[in-house]
């Protein structure tokens, strides 16, 4: 049976980060002023900045445990749809959050916040691999499929808050521009769409 695409839950999982990026743009801007603001904030609040670093480092690995638990339970219960869901998640993340993100980073060669000079296309240099945010692509590609699977408004919004926290932490820590995070969110949404389509026979949007 064909199932309609759960667009409402997908949107709920992306809206918090979109709203945060919009507020940041309105209040702080989009360029060097954002970098300078958050650099000053980190210097004034080193303890809180360290907590944000923990979030940015461990936000994605925490989801590995969730998917691992789903896979383990599905195997025990002989649940092929959930096994397919987890395997689709692994495949989509490898193809998009790992491979495609790195191809775009290298091809674009965008400088990271605070790094002087122009973009350097086809660069393997980390300071010139800012676009897109891989952390954001990965967290969106992990949380949105869960939101669409569980189809619970509160859970979808909570997962969206988690995506926003991990995604914007990259801006706050001076690792990415807001537009890098937005690009990562779009790529993560693409991964989520692919995961859902592999797992379910969906009707057109």
N, C-alpha and C. Protein backbone atom coordinates (compact mmCIF):
# COMPACT_ATOMS: atom_id res chain seq x y z
N UNK A 1 0.84 -1.20 0.00
CA UNK A 1 0.00 0.00 0.00
C UNK A 1 0.87 1.25 0.00
N UNK A 2 0.54 2.18 -0.90
CA UNK A 2 1.32 3.40 -0.98
C UNK A 2 0.96 4.33 0.16
N UNK A 3 1.97 4.95 0.75
CA UNK A 3 1.77 5.84 1.89
C UNK A 3 2.12 7.27 1.50
N UNK A 4 1.33 8.24 1.98
CA UNK A 4 1.67 9.64 1.70
C UNK A 4 2.95 10.03 2.44
N UNK A 5 3.72 10.90 1.82
CA UNK A 5 4.96 11.36 2.45
C UNK A 5 4.62 12.23 3.66
N UNK A 6 5.20 11.93 4.83
CA UNK A 6 4.87 12.67 6.06
C UNK A 6 5.58 14.03 6.12
N UNK A 7 5.19 14.92 5.22
CA UNK A 7 5.87 16.20 5.06
C UNK A 7 5.80 17.05 6.33
N UNK A 8 4.68 16.96 7.07
CA UNK A 8 4.55 17.78 8.29
C UNK A 8 5.64 17.45 9.29
N UNK A 9 5.93 16.17 9.46
CA UNK A 9 6.96 15.76 10.43
C UNK A 9 8.36 16.11 9.93
N UNK A 10 8.55 16.02 8.62
CA UNK A 10 9.84 16.43 8.06
C UNK A 10 10.06 17.93 8.29
N UNK A 11 9.01 18.72 8.05
CA UNK A 11 9.13 20.17 8.25
C UNK A 11 9.36 20.52 9.72
N UNK A 12 8.66 19.84 10.62
CA UNK A 12 8.85 20.10 12.05
C UNK A 12 10.28 19.84 12.48
N UNK A 13 10.94 18.92 11.79
CA UNK A 13 12.31 18.56 12.14
C UNK A 13 13.32 19.56 11.56
N UNK A 14 12.89 20.39 10.64
CA UNK A 14 13.80 21.37 10.06
C UNK A 14 13.51 22.80 10.48
N UNK A 15 12.27 23.08 10.87
CA UNK A 15 11.88 24.46 11.18
C UNK A 15 12.67 25.10 12.32
N UNK A 16 12.96 24.39 13.42
CA UNK A 16 13.72 25.06 14.49
C UNK A 16 15.07 25.61 14.03
N UNK A 17 15.80 24.85 13.23
CA UNK A 17 17.09 25.34 12.74
C UNK A 17 16.89 26.48 11.74
N UNK A 18 15.90 26.36 10.86
CA UNK A 18 15.62 27.45 9.93
C UNK A 18 15.27 28.73 10.68
N UNK A 19 14.47 28.59 11.73
CA UNK A 19 14.10 29.77 12.53
C UNK A 19 15.31 30.36 13.23
N UNK A 20 16.17 29.51 13.75
CA UNK A 20 17.37 29.98 14.45
C UNK A 20 18.31 30.70 13.49
N UNK A 21 18.48 30.16 12.30
CA UNK A 21 19.32 30.81 11.30
C UNK A 21 18.73 32.15 10.88
N UNK A 22 17.41 32.21 10.75
CA UNK A 22 16.76 33.46 10.37
C UNK A 22 16.93 34.52 11.46
N UNK A 23 16.74 34.13 12.71
CA UNK A 23 16.92 35.06 13.82
C UNK A 23 18.36 35.54 13.89
N UNK A 24 19.30 34.61 13.71
CA UNK A 24 20.71 34.97 13.73
C UNK A 24 21.04 35.97 12.63
N UNK A 25 20.48 35.75 11.44
CA UNK A 25 20.74 36.65 10.32
C UNK A 25 20.19 38.05 10.58
N UNK A 26 18.98 38.09 11.12
CA UNK A 26 18.35 39.39 11.40
C UNK A 26 19.09 40.14 12.50
N UNK A 27 19.48 39.41 13.56
CA UNK A 27 20.08 40.06 14.72
C UNK A 27 21.59 40.30 14.58
N UNK A 28 22.29 39.39 13.89
CA UNK A 28 23.76 39.46 13.83
C UNK A 28 24.30 39.76 12.45
N UNK A 29 23.57 39.40 11.41
CA UNK A 29 24.08 39.57 10.06
C UNK A 29 24.48 38.24 9.46
N UNK A 30 25.26 38.30 8.39
CA UNK A 30 25.62 37.08 7.68
C UNK A 30 27.12 36.91 7.46
N UNK A 31 27.92 37.91 7.77
CA UNK A 31 29.34 37.85 7.44
C UNK A 31 30.26 37.89 8.64
N UNK A 32 31.26 38.75 8.56
CA UNK A 32 32.29 38.82 9.59
C UNK A 32 31.74 39.22 10.95
N UNK A 33 30.62 39.95 10.97
CA UNK A 33 30.05 40.37 12.24
C UNK A 33 29.58 39.17 13.06
N UNK A 34 29.10 38.13 12.38
CA UNK A 34 28.69 36.92 13.09
C UNK A 34 29.91 36.23 13.70
N UNK A 35 30.96 36.11 12.91
CA UNK A 35 32.20 35.50 13.39
C UNK A 35 32.75 36.25 14.59
N UNK A 36 32.77 37.57 14.50
CA UNK A 36 33.31 38.40 15.60
C UNK A 36 32.44 38.28 16.85
N UNK A 37 31.13 38.25 16.68
CA UNK A 37 30.22 38.16 17.83
C UNK A 37 30.44 36.87 18.60
N UNK A 38 30.47 35.76 17.87
CA UNK A 38 30.59 34.48 18.57
C UNK A 38 32.01 34.24 19.08
N UNK A 39 33.01 34.84 18.45
CA UNK A 39 34.37 34.75 18.99
C UNK A 39 34.44 35.46 20.35
N UNK A 40 33.83 36.63 20.43
CA UNK A 40 33.81 37.37 21.69
C UNK A 40 33.02 36.60 22.74
N UNK A 41 31.93 35.97 22.32
CA UNK A 41 31.11 35.19 23.26
C UNK A 41 31.91 34.01 23.81
N UNK A 42 32.64 33.32 22.96
CA UNK A 42 33.43 32.18 23.42
C UNK A 42 34.51 32.61 24.41
N UNK A 43 35.14 33.76 24.14
CA UNK A 43 36.17 34.25 25.04
C UNK A 43 35.59 34.64 26.39
N UNK A 44 34.36 35.16 26.39
CA UNK A 44 33.71 35.58 27.64
C UNK A 44 33.07 34.42 28.38
N UNK A 45 32.79 33.33 27.68
CA UNK A 45 32.08 32.18 28.29
C UNK A 45 32.77 30.87 27.94
N UNK A 46 34.00 30.67 28.38
CA UNK A 46 34.73 29.46 27.98
C UNK A 46 34.10 28.18 28.48
N UNK A 47 33.49 28.22 29.66
CA UNK A 47 32.86 27.01 30.19
C UNK A 47 31.68 26.57 29.36
N UNK A 48 30.81 27.52 29.01
CA UNK A 48 29.66 27.18 28.18
C UNK A 48 30.10 26.76 26.79
N UNK A 49 31.13 27.43 26.28
CA UNK A 49 31.64 27.05 24.96
C UNK A 49 32.16 25.62 24.97
N UNK A 50 32.73 25.18 26.08
CA UNK A 50 33.21 23.80 26.19
C UNK A 50 32.04 22.82 26.14
N UNK A 51 30.91 23.18 26.75
CA UNK A 51 29.72 22.33 26.70
C UNK A 51 29.19 22.25 25.28
N UNK A 52 29.22 23.37 24.57
CA UNK A 52 28.78 23.36 23.18
C UNK A 52 29.70 22.47 22.34
N UNK A 53 30.97 22.47 22.67
CA UNK A 53 31.92 21.61 21.96
C UNK A 53 31.57 20.13 22.16
N UNK A 54 31.16 19.78 23.37
CA UNK A 54 30.73 18.40 23.63
C UNK A 54 29.52 18.06 22.75
N UNK A 55 28.57 18.99 22.65
CA UNK A 55 27.38 18.77 21.82
C UNK A 55 27.76 18.57 20.36
N UNK A 56 28.63 19.43 19.86
CA UNK A 56 29.00 19.35 18.45
C UNK A 56 29.81 18.09 18.14
N UNK A 57 30.59 17.61 19.12
CA UNK A 57 31.40 16.41 18.92
C UNK A 57 30.60 15.12 19.07
N UNK A 58 29.62 15.12 19.99
CA UNK A 58 28.92 13.90 20.33
C UNK A 58 27.45 13.88 19.92
N UNK A 59 26.97 14.98 19.33
CA UNK A 59 25.57 15.03 18.91
C UNK A 59 25.21 13.97 17.89
N UNK A 60 26.06 13.79 16.90
CA UNK A 60 25.80 12.76 15.89
C UNK A 60 26.06 11.34 16.39
N UNK A 61 27.18 11.07 17.07
CA UNK A 61 27.38 9.71 17.58
C UNK A 61 26.26 9.22 18.49
N UNK A 62 25.58 10.13 19.20
CA UNK A 62 24.46 9.71 20.05
C UNK A 62 23.37 9.06 19.22
N UNK A 63 23.19 9.51 17.98
CA UNK A 63 22.17 8.92 17.11
C UNK A 63 22.58 7.55 16.60
N UNK A 64 23.90 7.29 16.56
CA UNK A 64 24.34 5.95 16.16
C UNK A 64 23.77 4.91 17.13
N UNK A 65 23.76 5.26 18.41
CA UNK A 65 23.24 4.35 19.42
C UNK A 65 21.75 4.10 19.22
N UNK A 66 21.01 5.14 18.84
CA UNK A 66 19.57 4.99 18.60
C UNK A 66 19.33 4.03 17.43
N UNK A 67 20.03 4.25 16.33
CA UNK A 67 19.85 3.38 15.17
C UNK A 67 20.38 1.97 15.45
N UNK A 68 21.44 1.88 16.23
CA UNK A 68 21.94 0.56 16.61
C UNK A 68 20.93 -0.22 17.43
N UNK A 69 20.27 0.48 18.35
CA UNK A 69 19.24 -0.17 19.17
C UNK A 69 18.05 -0.60 18.31
N UNK A 70 17.66 0.24 17.37
CA UNK A 70 16.57 -0.12 16.47
C UNK A 70 16.91 -1.37 15.66
N UNK A 71 18.14 -1.42 15.18
CA UNK A 71 18.57 -2.57 14.37
C UNK A 71 18.60 -3.84 15.22
N UNK A 72 19.14 -3.74 16.43
CA UNK A 72 19.23 -4.90 17.31
C UNK A 72 17.84 -5.44 17.65
N UNK A 73 16.91 -4.52 17.98
CA UNK A 73 15.56 -4.95 18.32
C UNK A 73 14.84 -5.54 17.11
N UNK A 74 15.07 -4.93 15.94
CA UNK A 74 14.41 -5.42 14.73
C UNK A 74 14.89 -6.83 14.38
N UNK A 75 16.17 -7.07 14.55
CA UNK A 75 16.70 -8.40 14.28
C UNK A 75 16.11 -9.44 15.24
N UNK A 76 15.97 -9.06 16.49
CA UNK A 76 15.41 -9.99 17.47
C UNK A 76 13.94 -10.28 17.19
N UNK A 77 13.23 -9.27 16.71
CA UNK A 77 11.79 -9.41 16.47
C UNK A 77 11.47 -9.81 15.04
N UNK A 78 12.49 -10.05 14.22
CA UNK A 78 12.30 -10.43 12.82
C UNK A 78 11.42 -9.40 12.11
N UNK A 79 11.86 -8.14 12.21
CA UNK A 79 11.12 -7.00 11.65
C UNK A 79 11.90 -6.48 10.43
N UNK A 80 11.60 -6.99 9.23
CA UNK A 80 12.40 -6.61 8.05
C UNK A 80 12.27 -5.14 7.66
N UNK A 81 11.12 -4.53 7.92
CA UNK A 81 10.97 -3.12 7.54
C UNK A 81 11.90 -2.22 8.35
N UNK A 82 12.04 -2.51 9.65
CA UNK A 82 12.94 -1.70 10.46
C UNK A 82 14.39 -1.97 10.10
N UNK A 83 14.72 -3.23 9.80
CA UNK A 83 16.07 -3.53 9.34
C UNK A 83 16.36 -2.75 8.07
N UNK A 84 15.41 -2.72 7.14
CA UNK A 84 15.59 -1.97 5.90
C UNK A 84 15.74 -0.47 6.19
N UNK A 85 14.98 0.02 7.15
CA UNK A 85 15.05 1.43 7.54
C UNK A 85 16.46 1.79 8.03
N UNK A 86 17.03 0.97 8.90
CA UNK A 86 18.36 1.25 9.44
C UNK A 86 19.42 1.13 8.35
N UNK A 87 19.31 0.11 7.51
CA UNK A 87 20.29 -0.05 6.43
C UNK A 87 20.19 1.09 5.42
N UNK A 88 18.97 1.57 5.17
CA UNK A 88 18.80 2.72 4.28
C UNK A 88 19.44 3.96 4.90
N UNK A 89 19.30 4.10 6.22
CA UNK A 89 19.94 5.23 6.93
C UNK A 89 21.46 5.17 6.75
N UNK A 90 22.04 4.01 6.95
CA UNK A 90 23.50 3.86 6.82
C UNK A 90 23.94 4.19 5.40
N UNK A 91 23.22 3.66 4.41
CA UNK A 91 23.60 3.87 3.00
C UNK A 91 23.47 5.35 2.62
N UNK A 92 22.36 5.98 3.01
CA UNK A 92 22.14 7.38 2.65
C UNK A 92 23.15 8.29 3.32
N UNK A 93 23.48 8.00 4.58
CA UNK A 93 24.46 8.83 5.28
C UNK A 93 25.84 8.68 4.65
N UNK A 94 26.20 7.48 4.25
CA UNK A 94 27.50 7.29 3.61
C UNK A 94 27.57 8.03 2.27
N UNK A 95 26.48 7.96 1.51
CA UNK A 95 26.49 8.57 0.19
C UNK A 95 26.37 10.09 0.23
N UNK A 96 25.60 10.61 1.19
CA UNK A 96 25.33 12.05 1.22
C UNK A 96 26.15 12.76 2.28
N UNK A 97 25.98 12.37 3.56
CA UNK A 97 26.66 13.09 4.64
C UNK A 97 28.17 12.88 4.61
N UNK A 98 28.61 11.78 4.03
CA UNK A 98 30.05 11.53 3.94
C UNK A 98 30.59 11.88 2.55
N UNK A 99 30.12 11.17 1.52
CA UNK A 99 30.72 11.32 0.20
C UNK A 99 30.34 12.64 -0.47
N UNK A 100 29.04 12.90 -0.64
CA UNK A 100 28.61 14.09 -1.36
C UNK A 100 29.06 15.37 -0.65
N UNK A 101 28.94 15.40 0.68
CA UNK A 101 29.37 16.58 1.43
C UNK A 101 30.85 16.87 1.17
N UNK A 102 31.68 15.84 1.17
CA UNK A 102 33.11 16.06 0.96
C UNK A 102 33.43 16.48 -0.47
N UNK A 103 32.71 15.94 -1.42
CA UNK A 103 32.92 16.35 -2.81
C UNK A 103 32.59 17.84 -2.96
N UNK A 104 31.49 18.28 -2.36
CA UNK A 104 31.11 19.70 -2.45
C UNK A 104 32.11 20.57 -1.71
N UNK A 105 32.53 20.13 -0.51
CA UNK A 105 33.52 20.91 0.25
C UNK A 105 34.78 21.15 -0.58
N UNK A 106 35.30 20.09 -1.15
CA UNK A 106 36.54 20.18 -1.91
C UNK A 106 36.34 21.01 -3.17
N UNK A 107 35.23 20.78 -3.86
CA UNK A 107 34.96 21.50 -5.10
C UNK A 107 34.77 22.99 -4.87
N UNK A 108 33.97 23.35 -3.84
CA UNK A 108 33.67 24.75 -3.58
C UNK A 108 34.88 25.50 -3.02
N UNK A 109 35.58 24.89 -2.06
CA UNK A 109 36.77 25.52 -1.48
C UNK A 109 36.47 26.78 -0.70
N UNK A 110 35.33 26.84 -0.04
CA UNK A 110 34.97 28.05 0.72
C UNK A 110 35.81 28.16 1.99
N UNK A 111 36.24 29.38 2.29
CA UNK A 111 37.02 29.60 3.51
C UNK A 111 36.11 29.52 4.73
N UNK A 112 36.66 29.00 5.82
CA UNK A 112 35.92 28.95 7.07
C UNK A 112 35.90 30.33 7.72
N UNK A 113 34.98 30.56 8.68
CA UNK A 113 34.92 31.86 9.35
C UNK A 113 36.28 32.25 9.93
N UNK A 114 36.67 33.49 9.69
CA UNK A 114 37.92 34.00 10.23
C UNK A 114 39.15 33.68 9.40
N UNK A 115 39.00 32.86 8.37
CA UNK A 115 40.13 32.52 7.50
C UNK A 115 40.19 33.55 6.38
N UNK A 116 41.29 34.28 6.24
CA UNK A 116 41.36 35.32 5.21
C UNK A 116 41.55 34.74 3.82
N UNK A 117 41.26 35.55 2.84
CA UNK A 117 41.49 35.15 1.46
C UNK A 117 40.25 34.67 0.75
N UNK A 118 40.34 34.48 -0.56
CA UNK A 118 39.20 34.05 -1.36
C UNK A 118 38.95 32.55 -1.25
N UNK A 119 37.86 32.11 -1.85
CA UNK A 119 37.59 30.68 -1.96
C UNK A 119 38.69 30.03 -2.81
N UNK A 120 39.00 28.78 -2.51
CA UNK A 120 40.03 28.05 -3.26
C UNK A 120 39.41 26.75 -3.77
N UNK A 121 38.75 26.79 -4.92
CA UNK A 121 38.10 25.57 -5.45
C UNK A 121 39.08 24.42 -5.61
N UNK A 122 38.55 23.21 -5.41
CA UNK A 122 39.30 21.96 -5.52
C UNK A 122 40.46 21.92 -4.52
N UNK A 123 40.15 22.37 -3.30
CA UNK A 123 41.15 22.37 -2.23
C UNK A 123 40.86 21.26 -1.23
N UNK A 124 41.93 20.57 -0.81
CA UNK A 124 41.82 19.56 0.24
C UNK A 124 42.20 20.13 1.61
N UNK A 125 42.41 21.43 1.66
CA UNK A 125 42.82 22.11 2.88
C UNK A 125 41.60 22.37 3.77
N UNK A 126 41.64 21.91 5.02
CA UNK A 126 40.51 22.05 5.93
C UNK A 126 39.96 23.45 6.06
N UNK A 127 40.81 24.48 6.20
CA UNK A 127 40.30 25.85 6.30
C UNK A 127 39.56 26.33 5.06
N UNK A 128 39.66 25.59 3.95
CA UNK A 128 38.94 25.94 2.74
C UNK A 128 37.90 24.89 2.38
N UNK A 129 37.41 24.20 3.39
CA UNK A 129 36.36 23.19 3.19
C UNK A 129 35.16 23.49 4.08
N UNK A 130 34.66 24.72 4.01
CA UNK A 130 33.60 25.14 4.92
C UNK A 130 32.20 24.76 4.45
N UNK A 131 31.97 24.80 3.15
CA UNK A 131 30.63 24.59 2.59
C UNK A 131 30.50 23.19 2.00
N UNK A 132 29.50 22.40 2.46
CA UNK A 132 28.48 22.65 3.48
C UNK A 132 28.92 22.12 4.84
N UNK A 133 28.08 22.27 5.85
CA UNK A 133 28.36 21.72 7.17
C UNK A 133 28.03 20.23 7.20
N UNK A 134 29.06 19.41 7.35
CA UNK A 134 28.84 17.97 7.42
C UNK A 134 28.10 17.54 8.67
N UNK A 135 28.40 18.20 9.80
CA UNK A 135 27.69 17.88 11.04
C UNK A 135 26.18 18.07 10.87
N UNK A 136 25.80 19.17 10.21
CA UNK A 136 24.38 19.47 10.03
C UNK A 136 23.73 18.49 9.07
N UNK A 137 24.41 18.18 7.99
CA UNK A 137 23.86 17.20 7.04
C UNK A 137 23.62 15.86 7.72
N UNK A 138 24.57 15.47 8.56
CA UNK A 138 24.44 14.17 9.22
C UNK A 138 23.33 14.16 10.25
N UNK A 139 23.23 15.22 11.07
CA UNK A 139 22.21 15.22 12.13
C UNK A 139 20.82 15.33 11.54
N UNK A 140 20.66 16.13 10.47
CA UNK A 140 19.35 16.24 9.83
C UNK A 140 18.98 14.92 9.16
N UNK A 141 19.96 14.27 8.55
CA UNK A 141 19.71 12.99 7.90
C UNK A 141 19.44 11.86 8.86
N UNK A 142 19.74 12.06 10.13
CA UNK A 142 19.46 11.06 11.16
C UNK A 142 18.14 11.33 11.87
N UNK A 143 17.86 12.59 12.18
CA UNK A 143 16.68 12.92 12.98
C UNK A 143 15.39 12.96 12.16
N UNK A 144 15.45 13.52 10.96
CA UNK A 144 14.23 13.62 10.16
C UNK A 144 13.61 12.25 9.84
N UNK A 145 14.40 11.23 9.49
CA UNK A 145 13.78 9.92 9.27
C UNK A 145 13.09 9.36 10.51
N UNK A 146 13.66 9.62 11.68
CA UNK A 146 13.01 9.17 12.92
C UNK A 146 11.70 9.90 13.12
N UNK A 147 11.70 11.21 12.86
CA UNK A 147 10.46 11.98 13.00
C UNK A 147 9.38 11.45 12.06
N UNK A 148 9.77 11.15 10.83
CA UNK A 148 8.79 10.64 9.85
C UNK A 148 8.36 9.22 10.16
N UNK A 149 9.20 8.50 10.87
CA UNK A 149 8.86 7.12 11.23
C UNK A 149 7.89 7.10 12.42
N UNK A 150 8.19 7.91 13.44
CA UNK A 150 7.37 7.91 14.66
C UNK A 150 6.08 8.69 14.50
N UNK A 151 6.09 9.74 13.68
CA UNK A 151 4.89 10.53 13.37
C UNK A 151 4.17 11.03 14.62
N UNK A 152 4.94 11.61 15.52
CA UNK A 152 4.40 12.21 16.73
C UNK A 152 4.88 13.66 16.76
N UNK A 153 3.92 14.59 16.80
CA UNK A 153 4.26 16.00 16.66
C UNK A 153 5.31 16.47 17.67
N UNK A 154 5.11 16.09 18.93
CA UNK A 154 6.05 16.53 19.97
C UNK A 154 7.44 15.94 19.74
N UNK A 155 7.48 14.67 19.35
CA UNK A 155 8.77 14.03 19.09
C UNK A 155 9.45 14.67 17.89
N UNK A 156 8.68 14.99 16.85
CA UNK A 156 9.26 15.62 15.67
C UNK A 156 9.84 16.98 16.01
N UNK A 157 9.12 17.75 16.83
CA UNK A 157 9.61 19.07 17.21
C UNK A 157 10.84 18.95 18.11
N UNK A 158 10.84 17.96 19.00
CA UNK A 158 12.01 17.74 19.86
C UNK A 158 13.23 17.35 19.03
N UNK A 159 13.03 16.49 18.07
CA UNK A 159 14.13 16.11 17.18
C UNK A 159 14.61 17.33 16.38
N UNK A 160 13.66 18.18 15.98
CA UNK A 160 14.03 19.40 15.29
C UNK A 160 14.86 20.32 16.17
N UNK A 161 14.52 20.39 17.46
CA UNK A 161 15.33 21.18 18.38
C UNK A 161 16.74 20.64 18.51
N UNK A 162 16.86 19.32 18.45
CA UNK A 162 18.18 18.69 18.53
C UNK A 162 18.99 19.01 17.27
N UNK A 163 18.34 18.95 16.12
CA UNK A 163 19.01 19.33 14.86
C UNK A 163 19.49 20.78 14.93
N UNK A 164 18.63 21.65 15.46
CA UNK A 164 18.99 23.07 15.58
C UNK A 164 20.17 23.27 16.50
N UNK A 165 20.18 22.55 17.62
CA UNK A 165 21.28 22.70 18.59
C UNK A 165 22.61 22.25 17.99
N UNK A 166 22.62 21.10 17.34
CA UNK A 166 23.86 20.60 16.75
C UNK A 166 24.27 21.46 15.56
N UNK A 167 23.30 21.80 14.71
CA UNK A 167 23.62 22.58 13.53
C UNK A 167 24.16 23.96 13.87
N UNK A 168 23.46 24.67 14.76
CA UNK A 168 23.91 26.03 15.05
C UNK A 168 25.17 26.05 15.91
N UNK A 169 25.46 24.95 16.58
CA UNK A 169 26.71 24.89 17.35
C UNK A 169 27.92 25.11 16.44
N UNK A 170 27.79 24.75 15.17
CA UNK A 170 28.89 24.91 14.23
C UNK A 170 29.16 26.39 13.94
N UNK A 171 28.10 27.20 13.96
CA UNK A 171 28.25 28.65 13.80
C UNK A 171 28.80 29.25 15.08
N UNK A 172 28.22 28.84 16.19
CA UNK A 172 28.63 29.38 17.49
C UNK A 172 30.10 29.12 17.78
N UNK A 173 30.60 27.98 17.34
CA UNK A 173 32.00 27.62 17.58
C UNK A 173 32.94 28.15 16.50
N UNK A 174 32.39 28.88 15.55
CA UNK A 174 33.23 29.49 14.53
C UNK A 174 33.75 28.53 13.48
N UNK A 175 33.08 27.39 13.30
CA UNK A 175 33.52 26.40 12.32
C UNK A 175 32.84 26.55 10.97
N UNK A 176 31.66 27.19 10.97
CA UNK A 176 30.90 27.32 9.73
C UNK A 176 30.15 28.64 9.68
N UNK A 177 29.88 29.07 8.45
CA UNK A 177 28.98 30.19 8.21
C UNK A 177 27.54 29.68 8.29
N UNK A 178 26.60 30.59 8.53
CA UNK A 178 25.19 30.20 8.61
C UNK A 178 24.74 29.55 7.30
N UNK A 179 25.22 30.04 6.17
CA UNK A 179 24.82 29.45 4.89
C UNK A 179 25.38 28.04 4.71
N UNK A 180 26.53 27.74 5.34
CA UNK A 180 27.05 26.37 5.32
C UNK A 180 26.09 25.43 6.04
N UNK A 181 25.58 25.92 7.16
CA UNK A 181 24.65 25.11 7.96
C UNK A 181 23.34 24.90 7.20
N UNK A 182 22.86 25.95 6.53
CA UNK A 182 21.65 25.82 5.72
C UNK A 182 21.86 24.79 4.61
N UNK A 183 23.01 24.84 3.95
CA UNK A 183 23.29 23.86 2.90
C UNK A 183 23.34 22.45 3.48
N UNK A 184 23.92 22.30 4.67
CA UNK A 184 23.95 20.99 5.32
C UNK A 184 22.56 20.49 5.64
N UNK A 185 21.70 21.40 6.07
CA UNK A 185 20.31 21.02 6.37
C UNK A 185 19.59 20.53 5.13
N UNK A 186 19.82 21.18 4.01
CA UNK A 186 19.19 20.75 2.76
C UNK A 186 19.68 19.37 2.34
N UNK A 187 20.98 19.13 2.48
CA UNK A 187 21.52 17.82 2.12
C UNK A 187 21.01 16.74 3.07
N UNK A 188 20.91 17.08 4.36
CA UNK A 188 20.36 16.12 5.32
C UNK A 188 18.91 15.81 5.02
N UNK A 189 18.16 16.81 4.58
CA UNK A 189 16.77 16.59 4.20
C UNK A 189 16.67 15.68 2.98
N UNK A 190 17.61 15.83 2.05
CA UNK A 190 17.65 14.93 0.90
C UNK A 190 17.90 13.50 1.35
N UNK A 191 18.83 13.31 2.29
CA UNK A 191 19.10 11.98 2.82
C UNK A 191 17.86 11.40 3.48
N UNK A 192 17.16 12.23 4.25
CA UNK A 192 15.94 11.76 4.93
C UNK A 192 14.88 11.34 3.93
N UNK A 193 14.74 12.11 2.86
CA UNK A 193 13.77 11.78 1.82
C UNK A 193 14.11 10.42 1.19
N UNK A 194 15.38 10.22 0.89
CA UNK A 194 15.81 8.96 0.28
C UNK A 194 15.56 7.79 1.22
N UNK A 195 15.90 7.97 2.49
CA UNK A 195 15.69 6.91 3.48
C UNK A 195 14.22 6.52 3.55
N UNK A 196 13.35 7.52 3.58
CA UNK A 196 11.92 7.22 3.66
C UNK A 196 11.42 6.52 2.40
N UNK A 197 11.90 6.96 1.24
CA UNK A 197 11.44 6.35 0.00
C UNK A 197 11.92 4.91 -0.13
N UNK A 198 13.12 4.62 0.36
CA UNK A 198 13.61 3.25 0.33
C UNK A 198 12.81 2.36 1.28
N UNK A 199 12.48 2.93 2.44
CA UNK A 199 11.81 2.14 3.47
C UNK A 199 10.35 1.92 3.17
N UNK A 200 9.71 2.90 2.55
CA UNK A 200 8.26 2.84 2.30
C UNK A 200 7.96 3.07 0.83
N UNK A 201 6.88 2.52 0.41
CA UNK A 201 6.37 2.87 -0.92
C UNK A 201 5.50 4.09 -0.74
N UNK A 202 5.99 5.24 -1.16
CA UNK A 202 5.31 6.49 -0.87
C UNK A 202 4.56 7.00 -2.09
N UNK A 203 3.49 7.70 -1.77
CA UNK A 203 2.73 8.39 -2.82
C UNK A 203 3.44 9.68 -3.17
N UNK A 204 3.12 10.27 -4.34
CA UNK A 204 3.74 11.54 -4.70
C UNK A 204 3.42 12.61 -3.66
N UNK A 205 4.32 13.60 -3.52
CA UNK A 205 4.09 14.69 -2.58
C UNK A 205 2.83 15.45 -2.93
